Amino acid sequence: MKKPVAEVNIKISSENGHYKANTFVSIDSDDVEATLATLEALGDLSGKIINEKSKELVKNIFEGIVPDDELEKLITDIEKTQCSH
């Protein structure tokens, strides 16, 4: 069985409509590669979350103003532009 070198635990809870996050990260500090891999994974995760929330925000702002098919094309074009830089 493989020995884990890092553990990430994220809990999100809601109290009266307010969200709270409780995050725990445990990394084998003697393993530099594991530390860098963990940080990279957390960076990728945060990027995905921000990207999805940004899409939701854009859709909410332009809802009813720009037709859905045009909005999807705009978002796709923006993603292609951002990924190419």
Protein backbone atom coordinates (compact mmCIF):
# COMPACT_ATOMS: atom_id res chain seq x y z
CA MET A 1 0.00 0.00 0.00
CA LYS A 2 1.23 3.49 -0.87
CA LYS A 3 2.16 5.74 2.02
CA PRO A 4 0.47 9.17 1.82
CA VAL A 5 2.87 12.10 2.03
CA ALA A 6 0.24 14.83 2.19
CA GLU A 7 -3.33 15.21 3.34
CA VAL A 8 -5.73 18.06 2.63
CA ASN A 9 -9.07 18.30 4.39
CA ILE A 10 -11.52 21.10 3.58
CA LYS A 11 -14.85 21.46 5.36
CA ILE A 12 -17.39 24.12 4.43
CA SER A 13 -20.22 24.79 6.84
CA SER A 14 -23.13 27.20 6.82
CA GLU A 15 -24.44 29.11 9.83
CA ASN A 16 -27.42 31.40 9.29
CA GLY A 17 -26.57 31.88 5.61
CA HIS A 18 -22.88 32.58 6.25
CA TYR A 19 -20.28 30.10 5.06
CA LYS A 20 -17.18 29.17 6.99
CA ALA A 21 -14.25 27.09 5.82
CA ASN A 22 -12.13 24.89 8.02
CA THR A 23 -8.98 23.78 6.20
CA PHE A 24 -6.33 21.36 7.39
CA VAL A 25 -3.15 20.60 5.41
CA SER A 26 -0.58 18.08 6.55
CA ILE A 27 2.58 17.63 4.48
CA ASP A 28 5.68 15.52 5.15
CA SER A 29 8.04 18.48 5.55
CA ASP A 30 11.10 16.34 4.79
CA ASP A 31 9.78 15.63 1.29
CA VAL A 32 10.25 18.79 -0.78
CA GLU A 33 8.71 17.25 -3.90
CA ALA A 34 5.57 16.27 -1.96
CA THR A 35 5.31 19.80 -0.57
CA LEU A 36 5.60 21.35 -4.04
CA ALA A 37 3.11 18.84 -5.50
CA THR A 38 0.63 19.65 -2.72
CA LEU A 39 0.98 23.39 -3.25
CA GLU A 40 0.55 22.93 -7.00
CA ALA A 41 -2.60 20.84 -6.46
CA LEU A 42 -4.07 23.49 -4.15
CA GLY A 43 -3.25 26.18 -6.73
CA ASP A 44 -4.96 24.18 -9.48
CA LEU A 45 -8.02 23.65 -7.27
CA SER A 46 -8.32 27.33 -6.40
CA GLY A 47 -7.93 28.25 -10.08
CA LYS A 48 -10.76 25.89 -11.05
CA ILE A 49 -13.02 27.28 -8.34
CA ILE A 50 -12.29 30.88 -9.34
CA ASN A 51 -12.85 30.04 -13.02
CA GLU A 52 -16.25 28.44 -12.35
CA LYS A 53 -17.37 31.30 -10.09
CA SER A 54 -16.23 33.84 -12.70
CA LYS A 55 -18.34 32.10 -15.35
CA GLU A 56 -21.36 32.18 -13.04
CA LEU A 57 -20.83 35.89 -12.37
CA VAL A 58 -20.52 36.73 -16.08
CA LYS A 59 -23.66 34.72 -16.86
CA ASN A 60 -25.57 36.48 -14.07
CA ILE A 61 -24.46 39.92 -15.23
CA PHE A 62 -25.30 39.38 -18.89
CA GLU A 63 -28.40 37.23 -18.42
CA GLY A 64 -31.17 38.61 -20.61
CA ILE A 65 -28.82 41.07 -22.31
CA VAL A 66 -26.71 38.70 -24.40
CA PRO A 67 -28.22 35.53 -25.92
CA ASP A 68 -27.02 32.33 -24.20
CA ASP A 69 -25.26 30.94 -27.28
CA GLU A 70 -23.31 34.19 -27.77
CA LEU A 71 -22.43 34.30 -24.08
CA GLU A 72 -21.08 30.74 -24.19
CA LYS A 73 -19.00 31.66 -27.25
CA LEU A 74 -17.62 34.74 -25.47
CA ILE A 75 -16.66 32.69 -22.42
CA THR A 76 -15.01 30.05 -24.62
CA ASP A 77 -13.05 32.74 -26.52
CA ILE A 78 -11.89 34.33 -23.25
CA GLU A 79 -10.76 30.93 -21.91
CA LYS A 80 -8.79 30.24 -25.12
CA THR A 81 -7.14 33.67 -24.91
CA GLN A 82 -6.23 33.23 -21.24
CA CYS A 83 -4.83 29.72 -21.76
CA SER A 84 -2.63 30.83 -24.66
CA HIS A 85 -0.74 33.41 -22.55
